[in-house]
Amino acid sequence: MVRQRHDPVPAQGKWLGQMFRGYFAYHAVPTNVPTLGRLRTELIRLWHRQLRQRSQRCCLNWRRMNRLSLRWLPPARSQHPWPEQRFRAKSRGGSPVQ
């Protein structure tokens, strides 16, 4: 995040969104959703701090920061169902293993 400090805000948001979506694609199982929500909140705090430090006149309040985070960062939600649902979707209940 330090390297992108002086990039425009849309470029930073796009980069953070891509990074976060990739992390969610791997870790978004039903039991990890609260942890991913806390991670998203911490990431927003760090991004806010970086944006405030890059200028001497800071006019970035939390209302604007929330709008930026809603635009660029996806909400924490489960992307992978429980294994029983996932396997049932693949075999449609006709598997002799079940």
C-alpha atoms as a PDB file:
ATOM      1  CA  MET A   1       0.000   0.000   0.000  1.00  0.00           C
ATOM      2  CA  VAL A   2       2.957   2.293   0.586  1.00  0.00           C
ATOM      3  CA  ARG A   3       4.025   2.030  -3.072  1.00  0.00           C
ATOM      4  CA  GLN A   4       0.579   3.126  -4.281  1.00  0.00           C
ATOM      5  CA  ARG A   5       0.402   6.071  -1.860  1.00  0.00           C
ATOM      6  CA  HIS A   6       0.737   8.738  -4.568  1.00  0.00           C
ATOM      7  CA  ASP A   7      -1.372   7.003  -7.208  1.00  0.00           C
ATOM      8  CA  PRO A   8      -4.822   8.448  -7.916  1.00  0.00           C
ATOM      9  CA  VAL A   9      -7.570   7.205  -5.632  1.00  0.00           C
ATOM     10  CA  PRO A  10      -9.366   5.217  -8.399  1.00  0.00           C
ATOM     11  CA  ALA A  11      -6.132   3.379  -9.215  1.00  0.00           C
ATOM     12  CA  GLN A  12      -5.618   2.590  -5.528  1.00  0.00           C
ATOM     13  CA  GLY A  13      -9.209   1.429  -5.174  1.00  0.00           C
ATOM     14  CA  LYS A  14      -8.961  -0.809  -8.225  1.00  0.00           C
ATOM     15  CA  TRP A  15      -5.736  -2.373  -6.953  1.00  0.00           C
ATOM     16  CA  LEU A  16      -7.132  -2.938  -3.450  1.00  0.00           C
ATOM     17  CA  GLY A  17     -10.352  -4.384  -4.858  1.00  0.00           C
ATOM     18  CA  GLN A  18      -8.466  -6.864  -7.045  1.00  0.00           C
ATOM     19  CA  MET A  19      -6.255  -7.898  -4.147  1.00  0.00           C
ATOM     20  CA  PHE A  20      -9.218  -8.297  -1.823  1.00  0.00           C
ATOM     21  CA  ARG A  21     -11.332 -10.252  -4.346  1.00  0.00           C
ATOM     22  CA  GLY A  22      -8.445 -12.663  -4.873  1.00  0.00           C
ATOM     23  CA  TYR A  23      -8.087 -13.164  -1.138  1.00  0.00           C
ATOM     24  CA  PHE A  24     -11.852 -13.715  -0.824  1.00  0.00           C
ATOM     25  CA  ALA A  25     -11.851 -16.244  -3.660  1.00  0.00           C
ATOM     26  CA  TYR A  26      -9.609 -18.471  -1.578  1.00  0.00           C
ATOM     27  CA  HIS A  27     -10.665 -17.796   2.029  1.00  0.00           C
ATOM     28  CA  ALA A  28     -14.415 -17.020   1.849  1.00  0.00           C
ATOM     29  CA  VAL A  29     -15.814 -20.187   3.468  1.00  0.00           C
ATOM     30  CA  PRO A  30     -18.877 -19.827   5.750  1.00  0.00           C
ATOM     31  CA  THR A  31     -16.903 -19.936   8.997  1.00  0.00           C
ATOM     32  CA  ASN A  32     -14.421 -17.212   7.925  1.00  0.00           C
ATOM     33  CA  VAL A  33     -16.938 -14.460   7.090  1.00  0.00           C
ATOM     34  CA  PRO A  34     -16.639 -12.592  10.453  1.00  0.00           C
ATOM     35  CA  THR A  35     -12.853 -12.658  10.212  1.00  0.00           C
ATOM     36  CA  LEU A  36     -12.946 -11.398   6.635  1.00  0.00           C
ATOM     37  CA  GLY A  37     -15.255  -8.580   7.730  1.00  0.00           C
ATOM     38  CA  ARG A  38     -12.738  -7.527  10.369  1.00  0.00           C
ATOM     39  CA  LEU A  39      -9.962  -7.735   7.779  1.00  0.00           C
ATOM     40  CA  ARG A  40     -11.957  -5.477   5.437  1.00  0.00           C
ATOM     41  CA  THR A  41     -12.504  -2.951   8.244  1.00  0.00           C
ATOM     42  CA  GLU A  42      -8.806  -2.913   9.105  1.00  0.00           C
ATOM     43  CA  LEU A  43      -7.912  -2.497   5.436  1.00  0.00           C
ATOM     44  CA  ILE A  44     -10.267   0.511   5.200  1.00  0.00           C
ATOM     45  CA  ARG A  45      -8.616   2.060   8.276  1.00  0.00           C
ATOM     46  CA  LEU A  46      -5.143   1.604   6.804  1.00  0.00           C
ATOM     47  CA  TRP A  47      -6.233   3.004   3.433  1.00  0.00           C
ATOM     48  CA  HIS A  48      -7.779   6.014   5.203  1.00  0.00           C
ATOM     49  CA  ARG A  49      -4.566   6.641   7.105  1.00  0.00           C
ATOM     50  CA  GLN A  50      -2.502   6.420   3.901  1.00  0.00           C
ATOM     51  CA  LEU A  51      -4.792   8.852   2.102  1.00  0.00           C
ATOM     52  CA  ARG A  52      -4.669  11.305   5.017  1.00  0.00           C
ATOM     53  CA  GLN A  53      -0.862  11.193   5.167  1.00  0.00           C
ATOM     54  CA  ARG A  54      -0.306  11.973   1.516  1.00  0.00           C
ATOM     55  CA  SER A  55      -1.410  15.605   1.742  1.00  0.00           C
ATOM     56  CA  GLN A  56      -0.958  18.438   4.211  1.00  0.00           C
ATOM     57  CA  ARG A  57      -4.532  19.611   3.815  1.00  0.00           C
ATOM     58  CA  CYS A  58      -6.664  16.625   4.574  1.00  0.00           C
ATOM     59  CA  CYS A  59     -10.315  16.890   3.654  1.00  0.00           C
ATOM     60  CA  LEU A  60     -11.013  13.161   3.778  1.00  0.00           C
ATOM     61  CA  ASN A  61     -13.660  12.427   6.383  1.00  0.00           C
ATOM     62  CA  TRP A  62     -15.174   9.042   7.231  1.00  0.00           C
ATOM     63  CA  ARG A  63     -18.318   9.710   5.178  1.00  0.00           C
ATOM     64  CA  ARG A  64     -16.234  10.051   2.021  1.00  0.00           C
ATOM     65  CA  MET A  65     -14.059   7.106   3.031  1.00  0.00           C
ATOM     66  CA  ASN A  66     -17.139   4.898   3.447  1.00  0.00           C
ATOM     67  CA  ARG A  67     -18.293   5.860  -0.041  1.00  0.00           C
ATOM     68  CA  LEU A  68     -14.864   4.961  -1.449  1.00  0.00           C
ATOM     69  CA  SER A  69     -14.818   1.630   0.353  1.00  0.00           C
ATOM     70  CA  LEU A  70     -18.333   0.736  -0.810  1.00  0.00           C
ATOM     71  CA  ARG A  71     -17.355   1.558  -4.372  1.00  0.00           C
ATOM     72  CA  TRP A  72     -14.061  -0.340  -4.526  1.00  0.00           C
ATOM     73  CA  LEU A  73     -14.007  -3.031  -1.816  1.00  0.00           C
ATOM     74  CA  PRO A  74     -16.471  -5.929  -1.922  1.00  0.00           C
ATOM     75  CA  PRO A  75     -18.407  -6.773   1.266  1.00  0.00           C
ATOM     76  CA  ALA A  76     -17.432  -9.845   3.243  1.00  0.00           C
ATOM     77  CA  ARG A  77     -19.658 -12.754   2.247  1.00  0.00           C
ATOM     78  CA  SER A  78     -19.321 -16.495   1.838  1.00  0.00           C
ATOM     79  CA  GLN A  79     -18.380 -17.544  -1.689  1.00  0.00           C
ATOM     80  CA  HIS A  80     -17.969 -21.264  -1.059  1.00  0.00           C
ATOM     81  CA  PRO A  81     -20.900 -23.303   0.300  1.00  0.00           C
ATOM     82  CA  TRP A  82     -20.561 -26.036   2.872  1.00  0.00           C
ATOM     83  CA  PRO A  83     -19.005 -29.253   1.476  1.00  0.00           C
ATOM     84  CA  GLU A  84     -22.306 -31.171   1.570  1.00  0.00           C
ATOM     85  CA  GLN A  85     -23.984 -28.563  -0.628  1.00  0.00           C
ATOM     86  CA  ARG A  86     -20.968 -28.304  -2.928  1.00  0.00           C
ATOM     87  CA  PHE A  87     -20.735 -32.065  -3.497  1.00  0.00           C
ATOM     88  CA  ARG A  88     -24.493 -32.427  -3.934  1.00  0.00           C
ATOM     89  CA  ALA A  89     -24.381 -29.765  -6.626  1.00  0.00           C
ATOM     90  CA  LYS A  90     -21.706 -31.688  -8.541  1.00  0.00           C
ATOM     91  CA  SER A  91     -23.172 -35.192  -8.247  1.00  0.00           C
ATOM     92  CA  ARG A  92     -26.884 -34.234  -8.041  1.00  0.00           C
ATOM     93  CA  GLY A  93     -27.493 -36.953  -5.468  1.00  0.00           C
ATOM     94  CA  GLY A  94     -26.824 -39.881  -7.836  1.00  0.00           C
ATOM     95  CA  SER A  95     -23.363 -40.670  -6.553  1.00  0.00           C
ATOM     96  CA  PRO A  96     -22.901 -44.107  -4.936  1.00  0.00           C
ATOM     97  CA  VAL A  97     -20.358 -42.509  -2.556  1.00  0.00           C
ATOM     98  CA  GLN A  98     -23.048 -40.506  -0.715  1.00  0.00           C
END
